[in-house]
């Protein structure tokens, strides 16, 4: 016989079972609420969401020179107006991972290397911020072909160009 002999032990087990069921229901309802109504902010998916979020953006210095020379759209310009200066990429990424209060803009290869290191999880925007179509026409046998190929290869490695 597994039932306890004394009535107060039976009563204690009944209250214990009710207590466990109460916590189980509370846990289940809170979990269900968190799953259906996430308390986190909306995910930033594109440049317009980044602009609307009001986050400050940290930009590599090379990008500042690039954006100053070319004409860019108003959305990107408004994102760049909330610029935070980071002297080094590593310190910038550490601050980004620690505080999570700004966005980081960098070259594609730099972001991919950060993702491969797996020290911090980085969410990339699915779209490019700025893209330009470049066409180069040369005559056959031009002496500039070798140097141009080397230049294009290095800009591809830096992430400035895509194939």
Protein backbone atom coordinates (compact mmCIF):
# COMPACT_ATOMS: atom_id res chain seq x y z
CA UNK A 1 0.00 0.00 0.00
CA UNK A 2 1.57 3.32 -1.15
CA UNK A 3 -0.93 5.67 0.51
CA UNK A 4 0.27 7.25 3.75
CA UNK A 5 -1.55 6.16 6.90
CA UNK A 6 -1.95 9.53 8.54
CA UNK A 7 -4.50 12.03 7.28
CA UNK A 8 -2.19 15.03 7.67
CA UNK A 9 0.36 13.41 5.31
CA UNK A 10 -2.38 12.78 2.76
CA UNK A 11 -3.49 16.40 3.12
CA UNK A 12 0.13 17.56 2.71
CA UNK A 13 0.47 15.55 -0.53
CA UNK A 14 -2.82 16.96 -1.84
CA UNK A 15 -1.63 20.52 -1.15
CA UNK A 16 1.74 19.69 -2.71
CA UNK A 17 0.05 18.40 -5.86
CA UNK A 18 -2.15 21.53 -6.05
CA UNK A 19 0.92 23.74 -5.52
CA UNK A 20 2.81 21.96 -8.34
CA UNK A 21 -0.17 22.19 -10.69
CA UNK A 22 -0.50 25.89 -9.89
CA UNK A 23 3.16 26.58 -10.80
CA UNK A 24 2.86 24.40 -13.89
CA UNK A 25 -0.14 26.43 -15.10
CA UNK A 26 1.59 29.73 -14.28
CA UNK A 27 4.73 28.66 -16.17
CA UNK A 28 2.70 27.43 -19.15
CA UNK A 29 0.64 30.63 -19.37
CA UNK A 30 3.71 32.90 -19.13
CA UNK A 31 5.55 30.82 -21.72
CA UNK A 32 2.56 30.91 -24.06
CA UNK A 33 2.29 34.69 -23.63
CA UNK A 34 5.99 35.21 -24.38
CA UNK A 35 5.80 33.05 -27.48
CA UNK A 36 2.70 34.71 -28.91
CA UNK A 37 3.45 38.31 -27.84
CA UNK A 38 7.22 38.75 -27.79
CA UNK A 39 8.30 41.68 -25.58
CA UNK A 40 11.36 42.37 -27.72
CA UNK A 41 11.58 45.18 -30.20
CA UNK A 42 10.77 44.63 -33.84
CA UNK A 43 13.64 43.24 -35.91
CA UNK A 44 15.39 45.74 -38.15
CA UNK A 45 15.20 44.24 -41.62
CA UNK A 46 16.14 47.06 -43.97
CA UNK A 47 17.58 50.56 -44.10
CA UNK A 48 14.19 52.23 -43.56
CA UNK A 49 13.66 50.25 -40.34
CA UNK A 50 17.14 51.29 -39.21
CA UNK A 51 16.27 54.93 -39.88
CA UNK A 52 12.97 54.66 -38.00
CA UNK A 53 14.59 52.93 -35.01
CA UNK A 54 16.73 55.98 -34.22
CA UNK A 55 19.80 53.87 -33.45
CA UNK A 56 23.16 55.52 -33.79
CA UNK A 57 25.37 54.01 -36.47
CA UNK A 58 29.07 53.32 -36.23
CA UNK A 59 30.86 53.54 -39.54
CA UNK A 60 34.38 52.56 -40.51
CA UNK A 61 36.43 55.62 -41.41
CA UNK A 62 36.92 54.43 -44.98
CA UNK A 63 33.15 54.51 -45.47
CA UNK A 64 32.91 58.11 -44.29
CA UNK A 65 35.29 59.18 -47.06
CA UNK A 66 33.32 57.08 -49.54
CA UNK A 67 29.95 58.56 -48.59
CA UNK A 68 31.30 62.12 -48.59
CA UNK A 69 32.42 61.83 -52.21
CA UNK A 70 29.27 60.32 -53.70
CA UNK A 71 25.67 61.35 -53.82
CA UNK A 72 23.53 59.04 -51.67
CA UNK A 73 19.82 58.89 -50.97
CA UNK A 74 18.12 60.71 -48.09
CA UNK A 75 17.48 57.57 -46.05
CA UNK A 76 21.13 56.57 -45.97
CA UNK A 77 22.15 60.16 -45.30
CA UNK A 78 19.79 60.37 -42.30
CA UNK A 79 21.25 57.12 -40.92
CA UNK A 80 24.76 58.52 -41.35
CA UNK A 81 23.80 61.74 -39.54
CA UNK A 82 23.56 59.67 -36.32
CA UNK A 83 27.19 58.57 -36.61
CA UNK A 84 29.26 57.27 -33.67
CA UNK A 85 33.03 57.33 -34.16
CA UNK A 86 34.85 54.08 -33.35
CA UNK A 87 38.65 54.18 -33.61
CA UNK A 88 39.10 50.42 -34.15
CA UNK A 89 36.75 47.79 -35.46
CA UNK A 90 37.45 45.39 -32.57
CA UNK A 91 36.62 47.94 -29.87
CA UNK A 92 33.55 48.98 -31.83
CA UNK A 93 32.30 45.40 -32.09
CA UNK A 94 32.96 44.77 -28.38
CA UNK A 95 30.97 47.87 -27.47
CA UNK A 96 28.27 46.79 -29.92
CA UNK A 97 28.03 43.33 -28.33
CA UNK A 98 28.10 44.71 -24.78
CA UNK A 99 25.62 47.60 -25.01
CA UNK A 100 23.57 46.75 -28.13
CA UNK A 101 22.51 50.37 -28.52
CA UNK A 102 23.86 51.19 -31.97
CA UNK A 103 24.32 49.65 -35.39
CA UNK A 104 27.57 48.90 -37.13
CA UNK A 105 28.21 49.54 -40.81
CA UNK A 106 31.16 47.84 -42.44
CA UNK A 107 32.42 45.95 -45.42
CA UNK A 108 30.82 42.65 -46.26
CA UNK A 109 34.03 40.67 -45.67
CA UNK A 110 34.55 42.30 -42.26
CA UNK A 111 31.07 41.33 -41.12
CA UNK A 112 31.49 37.80 -42.48
CA UNK A 113 34.78 37.45 -40.57
CA UNK A 114 33.03 38.59 -37.38
CA UNK A 115 30.35 35.98 -37.96
CA UNK A 116 32.98 33.28 -38.54
CA UNK A 117 34.78 34.14 -35.28
CA UNK A 118 31.51 33.51 -33.40
CA UNK A 119 32.50 35.76 -30.50
CA UNK A 120 29.27 37.66 -30.90
CA UNK A 121 26.13 37.15 -32.92
CA UNK A 122 25.68 39.78 -35.61
CA UNK A 123 22.47 40.29 -37.55
CA UNK A 124 23.09 41.50 -41.09
CA UNK A 125 20.58 43.47 -43.08
CA UNK A 126 19.32 41.48 -46.02
CA UNK A 127 19.74 44.34 -48.46
CA UNK A 128 22.77 46.43 -49.35
CA UNK A 129 22.76 50.03 -48.20
CA UNK A 130 24.39 51.49 -51.28
CA UNK A 131 25.05 49.85 -54.62
CA UNK A 132 26.40 51.30 -57.83
CA UNK A 133 26.49 49.67 -61.24
CA UNK A 134 29.89 50.07 -62.87
CA UNK A 135 30.70 49.19 -66.47
CA UNK A 136 34.25 49.23 -67.82
CA UNK A 137 34.97 49.13 -71.56
CA UNK A 138 38.50 48.48 -72.86
CA UNK A 139 39.99 47.64 -76.18
CA UNK A 140 41.47 44.20 -76.69
CA UNK A 141 45.16 43.97 -75.81
CA UNK A 142 45.19 47.14 -73.69
CA UNK A 143 48.19 47.40 -71.31
CA UNK A 144 45.81 48.39 -68.49
CA UNK A 145 44.04 45.00 -68.39
CA UNK A 146 46.51 43.38 -65.95
CA UNK A 147 46.44 46.27 -63.48
CA UNK A 148 42.69 46.61 -63.76
CA UNK A 149 42.19 42.91 -63.06
CA UNK A 150 44.38 43.22 -59.96
CA UNK A 151 42.44 46.29 -58.81
CA UNK A 152 39.07 44.58 -59.35
CA UNK A 153 40.26 41.46 -57.50
CA UNK A 154 41.35 43.51 -54.47
CA UNK A 155 38.10 45.49 -54.38
CA UNK A 156 36.17 42.20 -54.53
CA UNK A 157 38.24 40.89 -51.60
CA UNK A 158 37.51 44.02 -49.57
CA UNK A 159 33.80 43.62 -50.20
CA UNK A 160 33.30 46.82 -52.17
CA UNK A 161 32.17 44.94 -55.29
CA UNK A 162 30.00 41.91 -55.91
CA UNK A 163 30.13 39.63 -58.93
